Each structure stands twice: as structure tokens, then as C-alpha cells.
Amino acid sequence: MSDLIRVVDLEIWAHLGVPEEERAQPQRLLVTLEMEVDHFSRAAATDNIALSVNYFDVVERVKSVATLRPRKLLETLVEELAGELLEVFLIHRIRLEVKKFILPSTRYVAVEIVRQKSS
């Protein structure tokens, strides 16, 4: 059994894009995370954040990874984020969507992946 922590439309800024001109300035991205974790009953019973996932720390890690270096592909950023979060936090499975606002005449372009912790 697992429970879900959701962070919706976290605003981050990253140097991203295939053309060098696009990567020159940081651009606004929105990140949505759905993190499956062990059930909340132990954390809730003890009121102890150490038995859950501290979503403030998750958000700070996302910001840190996103600003670490420029990337050409949104796909690269999404894979790196998922790998880092699964490695560092007590997350069993993650769904990660990142929205990018670059194409004219579109609301946004998004990349979404689902990954789970290796056994």
C-alpha cells in the first residue's frame, strides 16, 4: 500500500533549449510531482516528518538540480530530476511532468515520465 504526495506547478527557472540562443537566458518551467510513498500512518501517528517525505526538501532539491547546468533537452532534465529524487528521498514511484512555454500558439509543451525505485 502507498500514499501520494503531490506538488503541482512548482515554478523553476532553468537554462534549457536546443538552440544556444534559447539556453542563454533561464526560462520559466512548471514542475508537477506525484510521489508514491509508504502509507502515512506511522508519520501521522508520531507527527514525525522523518517517517514521511519532506516536500519542502523535495522542492529545494528540484530547484538545485534544475539550476545545476544548462541542458538542451527537457527530457534530460526530467530524467535527472526523477533519478535524483528517487535516490535521495523515501519515494517508491514518481510521476514527473515539466511544462515549457516556448512554442508560439501553444499554451505549453510538456514532458512526463513515470519511474520507480529499483529493488
PDB file of N, CA and C in Angstrom:
ATOM      1  N   MET A   1       0.840  -1.182   0.000  1.00  0.00           N
ATOM      2  CA  MET A   1       0.000   0.000   0.000  1.00  0.00           C
ATOM      3  C   MET A   1       0.886   1.247   0.000  1.00  0.00           C
ATOM      4  N   SER A   2       0.479   2.263  -0.740  1.00  0.00           N
ATOM      5  CA  SER A   2       1.246   3.503  -0.747  1.00  0.00           C
ATOM      6  C   SER A   2       0.298   4.695  -0.771  1.00  0.00           C
ATOM      7  N   ASP A   3       0.819   5.813  -0.343  1.00  0.00           N
ATOM      8  CA  ASP A   3       0.083   7.067  -0.357  1.00  0.00           C
ATOM      9  C   ASP A   3       0.805   8.032  -1.286  1.00  0.00           C
ATOM     10  N   LEU A   4       0.187   9.161  -1.525  1.00  0.00           N
ATOM     11  CA  LEU A   4       0.666  10.072  -2.560  1.00  0.00           C
ATOM     12  C   LEU A   4       0.896  11.473  -2.003  1.00  0.00           C
ATOM     13  N   ILE A   5       2.035  12.037  -2.345  1.00  0.00           N
ATOM     14  CA  ILE A   5       2.321  13.455  -2.094  1.00  0.00           C
ATOM     15  C   ILE A   5       2.402  14.113  -3.453  1.00  0.00           C
ATOM     16  N   ARG A   6       1.687  15.202  -3.606  1.00  0.00           N
ATOM     17  CA  ARG A   6       1.629  15.887  -4.898  1.00  0.00           C
ATOM     18  C   ARG A   6       2.085  17.340  -4.727  1.00  0.00           C
ATOM     19  N   VAL A   7       2.985  17.748  -5.601  1.00  0.00           N
ATOM     20  CA  VAL A   7       3.398  19.153  -5.716  1.00  0.00           C
ATOM     21  C   VAL A   7       3.005  19.569  -7.126  1.00  0.00           C
ATOM     22  N   VAL A   8       2.184  20.599  -7.248  1.00  0.00           N
ATOM     23  CA  VAL A   8       1.610  20.966  -8.539  1.00  0.00           C
ATOM     24  C   VAL A   8       2.123  22.331  -8.995  1.00  0.00           C
ATOM     25  N   ASP A   9       2.664  22.344 -10.207  1.00  0.00           N
ATOM     26  CA  ASP A   9       3.099  23.567 -10.877  1.00  0.00           C
ATOM     27  C   ASP A   9       4.108  24.384 -10.073  1.00  0.00           C
ATOM     28  N   LEU A  10       5.136  23.705  -9.606  1.00  0.00           N
ATOM     29  CA  LEU A  10       6.260  24.387  -8.964  1.00  0.00           C
ATOM     30  C   LEU A  10       6.994  25.190 -10.029  1.00  0.00           C
ATOM     31  N   GLU A  11       7.142  26.476  -9.807  1.00  0.00           N
ATOM     32  CA  GLU A  11       7.833  27.330 -10.772  1.00  0.00           C
ATOM     33  C   GLU A  11       9.332  27.272 -10.525  1.00  0.00           C
ATOM     34  N   ILE A  12      10.056  26.915 -11.589  1.00  0.00           N
ATOM     35  CA  ILE A  12      11.518  26.932 -11.537  1.00  0.00           C
ATOM     36  C   ILE A  12      12.023  27.643 -12.790  1.00  0.00           C
ATOM     37  N   TRP A  13      13.284  28.002 -12.751  1.00  0.00           N
ATOM     38  CA  TRP A  13      13.929  28.664 -13.890  1.00  0.00           C
ATOM     39  C   TRP A  13      15.179  27.873 -14.245  1.00  0.00           C
ATOM     40  N   ALA A  14      15.355  27.577 -15.528  1.00  0.00           N
ATOM     41  CA  ALA A  14      16.495  26.778 -15.958  1.00  0.00           C
ATOM     42  C   ALA A  14      16.947  27.200 -17.349  1.00  0.00           C
ATOM     43  N   HIS A  15      18.226  27.009 -17.604  1.00  0.00           N
ATOM     44  CA  HIS A  15      18.789  27.222 -18.938  1.00  0.00           C
ATOM     45  C   HIS A  15      18.542  25.943 -19.733  1.00  0.00           C
ATOM     46  N   LEU A  16      17.652  26.039 -20.707  1.00  0.00           N
ATOM     47  CA  LEU A  16      17.177  24.850 -21.397  1.00  0.00           C
ATOM     48  C   LEU A  16      16.835  25.198 -22.833  1.00  0.00           C
ATOM     49  N   GLY A  17      17.175  24.312 -23.752  1.00  0.00           N
ATOM     50  CA  GLY A  17      16.788  24.502 -25.140  1.00  0.00           C
ATOM     51  C   GLY A  17      17.847  24.001 -26.099  1.00  0.00           C
ATOM     52  N   VAL A  18      17.414  23.566 -27.258  1.00  0.00           N
ATOM     53  CA  VAL A  18      18.342  23.043 -28.257  1.00  0.00           C
ATOM     54  C   VAL A  18      19.210  24.165 -28.837  1.00  0.00           C
ATOM     55  N   PRO A  19      18.619  25.262 -29.321  1.00  0.00           N
ATOM     56  CA  PRO A  19      19.495  26.331 -29.827  1.00  0.00           C
ATOM     57  C   PRO A  19      20.227  27.026 -28.672  1.00  0.00           C
ATOM     58  N   GLU A  20      21.449  27.373 -28.925  1.00  0.00           N
ATOM     59  CA  GLU A  20      22.254  28.058 -27.907  1.00  0.00           C
ATOM     60  C   GLU A  20      21.592  29.351 -27.437  1.00  0.00           C
ATOM     61  N   GLU A  21      20.932  30.054 -28.359  1.00  0.00           N
ATOM     62  CA  GLU A  21      20.261  31.312 -28.005  1.00  0.00           C
ATOM     63  C   GLU A  21      19.148  31.074 -26.975  1.00  0.00           C
ATOM     64  N   GLU A  22      18.478  29.945 -27.092  1.00  0.00           N
ATOM     65  CA  GLU A  22      17.395  29.631 -26.143  1.00  0.00           C
ATOM     66  C   GLU A  22      17.961  29.329 -24.756  1.00  0.00           C
ATOM     67  N   ARG A  23      19.112  28.681 -24.700  1.00  0.00           N
ATOM     68  CA  ARG A  23      19.743  28.347 -23.420  1.00  0.00           C
ATOM     69  C   ARG A  23      20.411  29.549 -22.761  1.00  0.00           C
ATOM     70  N   ALA A  24      20.609  30.626 -23.494  1.00  0.00           N
ATOM     71  CA  ALA A  24      21.352  31.773 -22.978  1.00  0.00           C
ATOM     72  C   ALA A  24      20.702  32.398 -21.754  1.00  0.00           C
ATOM     73  N   GLN A  25      19.384  32.442 -21.728  1.00  0.00           N
ATOM     74  CA  GLN A  25      18.648  33.023 -20.603  1.00  0.00           C
ATOM     75  C   GLN A  25      17.827  31.935 -19.925  1.00  0.00           C
ATOM     76  N   PRO A  26      17.712  31.989 -18.604  1.00  0.00           N
ATOM     77  CA  PRO A  26      16.863  30.994 -17.949  1.00  0.00           C
ATOM     78  C   PRO A  26      15.409  31.186 -18.360  1.00  0.00           C
ATOM     79  N   GLN A  27      14.699  30.085 -18.498  1.00  0.00           N
ATOM     80  CA  GLN A  27      13.289  30.178 -18.843  1.00  0.00           C
ATOM     81  C   GLN A  27      12.427  29.520 -17.768  1.00  0.00           C
ATOM     82  N   ARG A  28      11.233  29.998 -17.703  1.00  0.00           N
ATOM     83  CA  ARG A  28      10.263  29.532 -16.708  1.00  0.00           C
ATOM     84  C   ARG A  28       9.747  28.155 -17.090  1.00  0.00           C
ATOM     85  N   LEU A  29       9.739  27.252 -16.090  1.00  0.00           N
ATOM     86  CA  LEU A  29       9.188  25.912 -16.238  1.00  0.00           C
ATOM     87  C   LEU A  29       8.244  25.668 -15.068  1.00  0.00           C
ATOM     88  N   LEU A  30       7.249  24.837 -15.273  1.00  0.00           N
ATOM     89  CA  LEU A  30       6.381  24.406 -14.182  1.00  0.00           C
ATOM     90  C   LEU A  30       6.536  22.898 -14.017  1.00  0.00           C
ATOM     91  N   VAL A  31       6.797  22.483 -12.784  1.00  0.00           N
ATOM     92  CA  VAL A  31       7.041  21.081 -12.469  1.00  0.00           C
ATOM     93  C   VAL A  31       5.916  20.557 -11.597  1.00  0.00           C
ATOM     94  N   THR A  32       5.349  19.433 -11.993  1.00  0.00           N
ATOM     95  CA  THR A  32       4.369  18.741 -11.159  1.00  0.00           C
ATOM     96  C   THR A  32       4.922  17.371 -10.811  1.00  0.00           C
ATOM     97  N   LEU A  33       4.888  17.061  -9.515  1.00  0.00           N
ATOM     98  CA  LEU A  33       5.406  15.795  -8.995  1.00  0.00           C
ATOM     99  C   LEU A  33       4.285  15.045  -8.306  1.00  0.00           C
ATOM    100  N   GLU A  34       4.200  13.757  -8.575  1.00  0.00           N
ATOM    101  CA  GLU A  34       3.352  12.863  -7.785  1.00  0.00           C
ATOM    102  C   GLU A  34       4.273  11.786  -7.244  1.00  0.00           C
ATOM    103  N   MET A  35       4.415  11.760  -5.938  1.00  0.00           N
ATOM    104  CA  MET A  35       5.368  10.857  -5.301  1.00  0.00           C
ATOM    105  C   MET A  35       4.628   9.820  -4.464  1.00  0.00           C
ATOM    106  N   GLU A  36       4.775   8.559  -4.823  1.00  0.00           N
ATOM    107  CA  GLU A  36       4.201   7.487  -4.029  1.00  0.00           C
ATOM    108  C   GLU A  36       5.186   7.126  -2.929  1.00  0.00           C
ATOM    109  N   VAL A  37       4.666   7.105  -1.708  1.00  0.00           N
ATOM    110  CA  VAL A  37       5.476   6.841  -0.523  1.00  0.00           C
ATOM    111  C   VAL A  37       4.786   5.774   0.319  1.00  0.00           C
ATOM    112  N   ASP A  38       5.504   5.248   1.328  1.00  0.00           N
ATOM    113  CA  ASP A  38       4.845   4.349   2.272  1.00  0.00           C
ATOM    114  C   ASP A  38       3.637   5.074   2.853  1.00  0.00           C
ATOM    115  N   HIS A  39       2.689   4.322   3.324  1.00  0.00           N
ATOM    116  CA  HIS A  39       1.485   4.949   3.869  1.00  0.00           C
ATOM    117  C   HIS A  39       1.842   5.916   5.002  1.00  0.00           C
ATOM    118  N   PHE A  40       0.993   6.901   5.186  1.00  0.00           N
ATOM    119  CA  PHE A  40       1.256   7.992   6.128  1.00  0.00           C
ATOM    120  C   PHE A  40       0.996   7.621   7.583  1.00  0.00           C
ATOM    121  N   SER A  41       0.479   6.447   7.866  1.00  0.00           N
ATOM    122  CA  SER A  41       0.006   6.148   9.220  1.00  0.00           C
ATOM    123  C   SER A  41       1.099   6.286  10.283  1.00  0.00           C
ATOM    124  N   ARG A  42       2.311   5.793  10.007  1.00  0.00           N
ATOM    125  CA  ARG A  42       3.389   5.916  11.011  1.00  0.00           C
ATOM    126  C   ARG A  42       3.792   7.363  11.228  1.00  0.00           C
ATOM    127  N   ALA A  43       3.939   8.098  10.143  1.00  0.00           N
ATOM    128  CA  ALA A  43       4.303   9.516  10.268  1.00  0.00           C
ATOM    129  C   ALA A  43       3.197  10.287  10.986  1.00  0.00           C
ATOM    130  N   ALA A  44       1.963  10.002  10.623  1.00  0.00           N
ATOM    131  CA  ALA A  44       0.831  10.707  11.245  1.00  0.00           C
ATOM    132  C   ALA A  44       0.691  10.362  12.725  1.00  0.00           C
ATOM    133  N   ALA A  45       0.900   9.108  13.059  1.00  0.00           N
ATOM    134  CA  ALA A  45       0.749   8.669  14.452  1.00  0.00           C
ATOM    135  C   ALA A  45       1.781   9.324  15.368  1.00  0.00           C
ATOM    136  N   THR A  46       2.968   9.569  14.825  1.00  0.00           N
ATOM    137  CA  THR A  46       4.045  10.150  15.636  1.00  0.00           C
ATOM    138  C   THR A  46       4.260  11.635  15.349  1.00  0.00           C
ATOM    139  N   ASP A  47       3.584  12.142  14.314  1.00  0.00           N
ATOM    140  CA  ASP A  47       3.754  13.530  13.886  1.00  0.00           C
ATOM    141  C   ASP A  47       5.224  13.818  13.570  1.00  0.00           C
ATOM    142  N   ASN A  48       5.884  12.844  12.910  1.00  0.00           N
ATOM    143  CA  ASN A  48       7.318  12.894  12.672  1.00  0.00           C
ATOM    144  C   ASN A  48       7.606  12.943  11.169  1.00  0.00           C
ATOM    145  N   ILE A  49       8.143  14.052  10.707  1.00  0.00           N
ATOM    146  CA  ILE A  49       8.432  14.239   9.289  1.00  0.00           C
ATOM    147  C   ILE A  49       9.488  13.248   8.785  1.00  0.00           C
ATOM    148  N   ALA A  50      10.336  12.753   9.659  1.00  0.00           N
ATOM    149  CA  ALA A  50      11.367  11.793   9.250  1.00  0.00           C
ATOM    150  C   ALA A  50      10.760  10.488   8.745  1.00  0.00           C
ATOM    151  N   LEU A  51       9.503  10.222   9.063  1.00  0.00           N
ATOM    152  CA  LEU A  51       8.831   9.000   8.617  1.00  0.00           C
ATOM    153  C   LEU A  51       8.007   9.231   7.348  1.00  0.00           C
ATOM    154  N   SER A  52       8.171  10.397   6.762  1.00  0.00           N
ATOM    155  CA  SER A  52       7.477  10.721   5.519  1.00  0.00           C
ATOM    156  C   SER A  52       8.489  11.376   4.584  1.00  0.00           C
ATOM    157  N   VAL A  53       7.996  12.076   3.593  1.00  0.00           N
ATOM    158  CA  VAL A  53       8.856  12.821   2.677  1.00  0.00           C
ATOM    159  C   VAL A  53       8.614  14.307   2.918  1.00  0.00           C
ATOM    160  N   ASN A  54       9.677  15.016   3.227  1.00  0.00           N
ATOM    161  CA  ASN A  54       9.576  16.450   3.463  1.00  0.00           C
ATOM    162  C   ASN A  54       9.503  17.144   2.101  1.00  0.00           C
ATOM    163  N   TYR A  55       8.313  17.573   1.722  1.00  0.00           N
ATOM    164  CA  TYR A  55       8.150  18.140   0.387  1.00  0.00           C
ATOM    165  C   TYR A  55       8.865  19.465   0.223  1.00  0.00           C
ATOM    166  N   PHE A  56       9.148  20.182   1.305  1.00  0.00           N
ATOM    167  CA  PHE A  56       9.979  21.383   1.202  1.00  0.00           C
ATOM    168  C   PHE A  56      11.368  21.002   0.698  1.00  0.00           C
ATOM    169  N   ASP A  57      11.939  19.935   1.271  1.00  0.00           N
ATOM    170  CA  ASP A  57      13.259  19.471   0.836  1.00  0.00           C
ATOM    171  C   ASP A  57      13.228  18.980  -0.610  1.00  0.00           C
ATOM    172  N   VAL A  58      12.141  18.332  -1.003  1.00  0.00           N
ATOM    173  CA  VAL A  58      11.996  17.879  -2.393  1.00  0.00           C
ATOM    174  C   VAL A  58      12.027  19.085  -3.333  1.00  0.00           C
ATOM    175  N   VAL A  59      11.265  20.105  -3.001  1.00  0.00           N
ATOM    176  CA  VAL A  59      11.205  21.313  -3.831  1.00  0.00           C
ATOM    177  C   VAL A  59      12.582  21.963  -3.933  1.00  0.00           C
ATOM    178  N   GLU A  60      13.282  22.055  -2.832  1.00  0.00           N
ATOM    179  CA  GLU A  60      14.620  22.649  -2.857  1.00  0.00           C
ATOM    180  C   GLU A  60      15.569  21.821  -3.723  1.00  0.00           C
ATOM    181  N   ARG A  61      15.453  20.508  -3.673  1.00  0.00           N
ATOM    182  CA  ARG A  61      16.300  19.635  -4.495  1.00  0.00           C
ATOM    183  C   ARG A  61      15.985  19.811  -5.976  1.00  0.00           C
ATOM    184  N   VAL A  62      14.703  19.925  -6.314  1.00  0.00           N
ATOM    185  CA  VAL A  62      14.299  20.155  -7.709  1.00  0.00           C
ATOM    186  C   VAL A  62      14.927  21.446  -8.221  1.00  0.00           C
ATOM    187  N   LYS A  63      14.828  22.502  -7.442  1.00  0.00           N
ATOM    188  CA  LYS A  63      15.410  23.793  -7.841  1.00  0.00           C
ATOM    189  C   LYS A  63      16.918  23.675  -8.027  1.00  0.00           C
ATOM    190  N   SER A  64      17.571  22.975  -7.112  1.00  0.00           N
ATOM    191  CA  SER A  64      19.018  22.812  -7.172  1.00  0.00           C
ATOM    192  C   SER A  64      19.453  22.039  -8.419  1.00  0.00           C
ATOM    193  N   VAL A  65      18.801  20.933  -8.699  1.00  0.00           N
ATOM    194  CA  VAL A  65      19.152  20.125  -9.875  1.00  0.00           C
ATOM    195  C   VAL A  65      18.881  20.910 -11.159  1.00  0.00           C
ATOM    196  N   ALA A  66      17.767  21.621 -11.206  1.00  0.00           N
ATOM    197  CA  ALA A  66      17.392  22.359 -12.418  1.00  0.00           C
ATOM    198  C   ALA A  66      18.398  23.449 -12.764  1.00  0.00           C
ATOM    199  N   THR A  67      19.001  24.051 -11.747  1.00  0.00           N
ATOM    200  CA  THR A  67      19.932  25.155 -11.998  1.00  0.00           C
ATOM    201  C   THR A  67      21.389  24.708 -12.031  1.00  0.00           C
ATOM    202  N   LEU A  68      21.628  23.425 -11.890  1.00  0.00           N
ATOM    203  CA  LEU A  68      22.985  22.892 -11.834  1.00  0.00           C
ATOM    204  C   LEU A  68      23.794  23.176 -13.091  1.00  0.00           C
ATOM    205  N   ARG A  69      23.133  23.027 -14.265  1.00  0.00           N
ATOM    206  CA  ARG A  69      23.844  23.218 -15.531  1.00  0.00           C
ATOM    207  C   ARG A  69      22.822  23.409 -16.648  1.00  0.00           C
ATOM    208  N   PRO A  70      23.243  23.998 -17.765  1.00  0.00           N
ATOM    209  CA  PRO A  70      22.344  24.094 -18.923  1.00  0.00           C
ATOM    210  C   PRO A  70      22.131  22.713 -19.549  1.00  0.00           C
ATOM    211  N   ARG A  71      20.965  22.535 -20.152  1.00  0.00           N
ATOM    212  CA  ARG A  71      20.638  21.297 -20.866  1.00  0.00           C
ATOM    213  C   ARG A  71      19.947  21.654 -22.162  1.00  0.00           C
ATOM    214  N   LYS A  72      20.134  20.819 -23.161  1.00  0.00           N
ATOM    215  CA  LYS A  72      19.425  21.025 -24.421  1.00  0.00           C
ATOM    216  C   LYS A  72      18.001  20.497 -24.337  1.00  0.00           C
ATOM    217  N   LEU A  73      17.837  19.322 -23.745  1.00  0.00           N
ATOM    218  CA  LEU A  73      16.536  18.654 -23.795  1.00  0.00           C
ATOM    219  C   LEU A  73      15.785  18.711 -22.471  1.00  0.00           C
ATOM    220  N   LEU A  74      14.510  18.964 -22.573  1.00  0.00           N
ATOM    221  CA  LEU A  74      13.611  18.877 -21.434  1.00  0.00           C
ATOM    222  C   LEU A  74      13.620  17.452 -20.885  1.00  0.00           C
ATOM    223  N   GLU A  75      13.729  16.489 -21.783  1.00  0.00           N
ATOM    224  CA  GLU A  75      13.773  15.079 -21.398  1.00  0.00           C
ATOM    225  C   GLU A  75      14.959  14.783 -20.475  1.00  0.00           C
ATOM    226  N   THR A  76      16.077  15.420 -20.724  1.00  0.00           N
ATOM    227  CA  THR A  76      17.260  15.233 -19.887  1.00  0.00           C
ATOM    228  C   THR A  76      16.996  15.733 -18.477  1.00  0.00           C
ATOM    229  N   LEU A  77      16.430  16.911 -18.368  1.00  0.00           N
ATOM    230  CA  LEU A  77      16.116  17.473 -17.054  1.00  0.00           C
ATOM    231  C   LEU A  77      15.144  16.573 -16.296  1.00  0.00           C
ATOM    232  N   VAL A  78      14.109  16.099 -16.956  1.00  0.00           N
ATOM    233  CA  VAL A  78      13.097  15.278 -16.297  1.00  0.00           C
ATOM    234  C   VAL A  78      13.708  13.968 -15.787  1.00  0.00           C
ATOM    235  N   GLU A  79      14.528  13.326 -16.605  1.00  0.00           N
ATOM    236  CA  GLU A  79      15.186  12.081 -16.172  1.00  0.00           C
ATOM    237  C   GLU A  79      16.110  12.328 -14.981  1.00  0.00           C
ATOM    238  N   GLU A  80      16.868  13.410 -15.026  1.00  0.00           N
ATOM    239  CA  GLU A  80      17.784  13.716 -13.923  1.00  0.00           C
ATOM    240  C   GLU A  80      17.021  14.004 -12.635  1.00  0.00           C
ATOM    241  N   LEU A  81      15.933  14.743 -12.739  1.00  0.00           N
ATOM    242  CA  LEU A  81      15.118  15.030 -11.560  1.00  0.00           C
ATOM    243  C   LEU A  81      14.558  13.748 -10.952  1.00  0.00           C
ATOM    244  N   ALA A  82      13.978  12.901 -11.778  1.00  0.00           N
ATOM    245  CA  ALA A  82      13.380  11.662 -11.278  1.00  0.00           C
ATOM    246  C   ALA A  82      14.437  10.790 -10.599  1.00  0.00           C
ATOM    247  N   GLY A  83      15.583  10.626 -11.233  1.00  0.00           N
ATOM    248  CA  GLY A  83      16.646   9.807 -10.656  1.00  0.00           C
ATOM    249  C   GLY A  83      17.130  10.335  -9.320  1.00  0.00           C
ATOM    250  N   GLU A  84      17.343  11.623  -9.246  1.00  0.00           N
ATOM    251  CA  GLU A  84      17.818  12.253  -8.014  1.00  0.00           C
ATOM    252  C   GLU A  84      16.798  12.096  -6.883  1.00  0.00           C
ATOM    253  N   LEU A  85      15.542  12.365  -7.168  1.00  0.00           N
ATOM    254  CA  LEU A  85      14.518  12.300  -6.121  1.00  0.00           C
ATOM    255  C   LEU A  85      14.304  10.870  -5.628  1.00  0.00           C
ATOM    256  N   LEU A  86      14.323   9.907  -6.533  1.00  0.00           N
ATOM    257  CA  LEU A  86      14.175   8.509  -6.121  1.00  0.00           C
ATOM    258  C   LEU A  86      15.366   8.049  -5.277  1.00  0.00           C
ATOM    259  N   GLU A  87      16.537   8.557  -5.586  1.00  0.00           N
ATOM    260  CA  GLU A  87      17.741   8.164  -4.852  1.00  0.00           C
ATOM    261  C   GLU A  87      17.796   8.774  -3.456  1.00  0.00           C
ATOM    262  N   VAL A  88      17.377  10.023  -3.327  1.00  0.00           N
ATOM    263  CA  VAL A  88      17.581  10.766  -2.088  1.00  0.00           C
ATOM    264  C   VAL A  88      16.423  10.612  -1.095  1.00  0.00           C
ATOM    265  N   PHE A  89      15.214  10.498  -1.596  1.00  0.00           N
ATOM    266  CA  PHE A  89      14.043  10.517  -0.718  1.00  0.00           C
ATOM    267  C   PHE A  89      13.358   9.157  -0.640  1.00  0.00           C
ATOM    268  N   LEU A  90      12.512   8.976   0.354  1.00  0.00           N
ATOM    269  CA  LEU A  90      11.769   7.729   0.568  1.00  0.00           C
ATOM    270  C   LEU A  90      10.564   7.657  -0.361  1.00  0.00           C
ATOM    271  N   ILE A  91      10.852   7.753  -1.651  1.00  0.00           N
ATOM    272  CA  ILE A  91       9.825   7.722  -2.691  1.00  0.00           C
ATOM    273  C   ILE A  91       9.951   6.382  -3.409  1.00  0.00           C
ATOM    274  N   HIS A  92       8.826   5.692  -3.604  1.00  0.00           N
ATOM    275  CA  HIS A  92       8.852   4.406  -4.301  1.00  0.00           C
ATOM    276  C   HIS A  92       8.637   4.571  -5.801  1.00  0.00           C
ATOM    277  N   ARG A  93       7.776   5.513  -6.146  1.00  0.00           N
ATOM    278  CA  ARG A  93       7.415   5.722  -7.550  1.00  0.00           C
ATOM    279  C   ARG A  93       7.132   7.208  -7.732  1.00  0.00           C
ATOM    280  N   ILE A  94       7.534   7.740  -8.882  1.00  0.00           N
ATOM    281  CA  ILE A  94       7.333   9.168  -9.123  1.00  0.00           C
ATOM    282  C   ILE A  94       6.778   9.386 -10.527  1.00  0.00           C
ATOM    283  N   ARG A  95       5.835  10.288 -10.619  1.00  0.00           N
ATOM    284  CA  ARG A  95       5.369  10.794 -11.905  1.00  0.00           C
ATOM    285  C   ARG A  95       5.772  12.251 -11.923  1.00  0.00           C
ATOM    286  N   LEU A  96       6.476  12.625 -12.974  1.00  0.00           N
ATOM    287  CA  LEU A  96       7.030  13.968 -13.064  1.00  0.00           C
ATOM    288  C   LEU A  96       6.650  14.576 -14.405  1.00  0.00           C
ATOM    289  N   GLU A  97       6.067  15.758 -14.367  1.00  0.00           N
ATOM    290  CA  GLU A  97       5.729  16.479 -15.589  1.00  0.00           C
ATOM    291  C   GLU A  97       6.387  17.853 -15.519  1.00  0.00           C
ATOM    292  N   VAL A  98       7.024  18.245 -16.614  1.00  0.00           N
ATOM    293  CA  VAL A  98       7.609  19.584 -16.698  1.00  0.00           C
ATOM    294  C   VAL A  98       7.028  20.280 -17.912  1.00  0.00           C
ATOM    295  N   LYS A  99       6.502  21.484 -17.680  1.00  0.00           N
ATOM    296  CA  LYS A  99       5.901  22.297 -18.741  1.00  0.00           C
ATOM    297  C   LYS A  99       6.881  23.404 -19.128  1.00  0.00           C
ATOM    298  N   LYS A 100       6.948  23.626 -20.436  1.00  0.00           N
ATOM    299  CA  LYS A 100       7.844  24.637 -21.004  1.00  0.00           C
ATOM    300  C   LYS A 100       7.003  25.555 -21.899  1.00  0.00           C
ATOM    301  N   PHE A 101       7.274  26.836 -21.849  1.00  0.00           N
ATOM    302  CA  PHE A 101       6.452  27.828 -22.550  1.00  0.00           C
ATOM    303  C   PHE A 101       7.255  28.500 -23.648  1.00  0.00           C
ATOM    304  N   ILE A 102       7.487  27.756 -24.720  1.00  0.00           N
ATOM    305  CA  ILE A 102       8.411  28.248 -25.742  1.00  0.00           C
ATOM    306  C   ILE A 102       7.788  28.360 -27.127  1.00  0.00           C
ATOM    307  N   LEU A 103       6.848  27.487 -27.462  1.00  0.00           N
ATOM    308  CA  LEU A 103       6.294  27.493 -28.814  1.00  0.00           C
ATOM    309  C   LEU A 103       5.159  28.493 -28.952  1.00  0.00           C
ATOM    310  N   PRO A 104       5.227  29.324 -29.981  1.00  0.00           N
ATOM    311  CA  PRO A 104       4.125  30.249 -30.220  1.00  0.00           C
ATOM    312  C   PRO A 104       2.839  29.467 -30.517  1.00  0.00           C
ATOM    313  N   SER A 105       1.734  30.061 -30.217  1.00  0.00           N
ATOM    314  CA  SER A 105       0.416  29.491 -30.492  1.00  0.00           C
ATOM    315  C   SER A 105       0.124  28.215 -29.703  1.00  0.00           C
ATOM    316  N   THR A 106       0.888  27.978 -28.636  1.00  0.00           N
ATOM    317  CA  THR A 106       0.582  26.861 -27.740  1.00  0.00           C
ATOM    318  C   THR A 106       0.566  27.375 -26.302  1.00  0.00           C
ATOM    319  N   ARG A 107      -0.204  26.723 -25.477  1.00  0.00           N
ATOM    320  CA  ARG A 107      -0.204  27.086 -24.062  1.00  0.00           C
ATOM    321  C   ARG A 107       1.110  26.651 -23.417  1.00  0.00           C
ATOM    322  N   TYR A 108       1.507  25.412 -23.708  1.00  0.00           N
ATOM    323  CA  TYR A 108       2.795  24.907 -23.243  1.00  0.00           C
ATOM    324  C   TYR A 108       3.111  23.587 -23.945  1.00  0.00           C
ATOM    325  N   VAL A 109       4.357  23.170 -23.785  1.00  0.00           N
ATOM    326  CA  VAL A 109       4.809  21.849 -24.201  1.00  0.00           C
ATOM    327  C   VAL A 109       5.203  21.143 -22.910  1.00  0.00           C
ATOM    328  N   ALA A 110       4.863  19.863 -22.775  1.00  0.00           N
ATOM    329  CA  ALA A 110       5.183  19.146 -21.541  1.00  0.00           C
ATOM    330  C   ALA A 110       5.825  17.804 -21.845  1.00  0.00           C
ATOM    331  N   VAL A 111       6.695  17.402 -20.936  1.00  0.00           N
ATOM    332  CA  VAL A 111       7.274  16.064 -20.941  1.00  0.00           C
ATOM    333  C   VAL A 111       6.889  15.437 -19.614  1.00  0.00           C
ATOM    334  N   GLU A 112       6.434  14.183 -19.674  1.00  0.00           N
ATOM    335  CA  GLU A 112       6.020  13.484 -18.458  1.00  0.00           C
ATOM    336  C   GLU A 112       6.640  12.086 -18.446  1.00  0.00           C
ATOM    337  N   ILE A 113       7.137  11.687 -17.277  1.00  0.00           N
ATOM    338  CA  ILE A 113       7.654  10.336 -17.120  1.00  0.00           C
ATOM    339  C   ILE A 113       7.158   9.746 -15.802  1.00  0.00           C
ATOM    340  N   VAL A 114       7.187   8.432 -15.739  1.00  0.00           N
ATOM    341  CA  VAL A 114       6.915   7.698 -14.504  1.00  0.00           C
ATOM    342  C   VAL A 114       8.101   6.774 -14.283  1.00  0.00           C
ATOM    343  N   ARG A 115       8.675   6.849 -13.104  1.00  0.00           N
ATOM    344  CA  ARG A 115       9.811   5.994 -12.755  1.00  0.00           C
ATOM    345  C   ARG A 115       9.582   5.429 -11.362  1.00  0.00           C
ATOM    346  N   GLN A 116      10.204   4.283 -11.095  1.00  0.00           N
ATOM    347  CA  GLN A 116      10.112   3.745  -9.746  1.00  0.00           C
ATOM    348  C   GLN A 116      11.486   3.312  -9.265  1.00  0.00           C
ATOM    349  N   LYS A 117      11.615   3.263  -7.943  1.00  0.00           N
ATOM    350  CA  LYS A 117      12.872   2.902  -7.325  1.00  0.00           C
ATOM    351  C   LYS A 117      13.240   1.478  -7.695  1.00  0.00           C
ATOM    352  N   SER A 118      14.499   1.250  -7.997  1.00  0.00           N
ATOM    353  CA  SER A 118      14.974  -0.108  -8.297  1.00  0.00           C
ATOM    354  C   SER A 118      14.937  -0.939  -7.028  1.00  0.00           C
ATOM    355  N   SER A 119      14.628  -2.186  -7.181  1.00  0.00           N
ATOM    356  CA  SER A 119      14.564  -3.071  -5.995  1.00  0.00           C
ATOM    357  C   SER A 119      15.930  -3.482  -5.525  1.00  0.00           C
TER     358      SER A 119
END
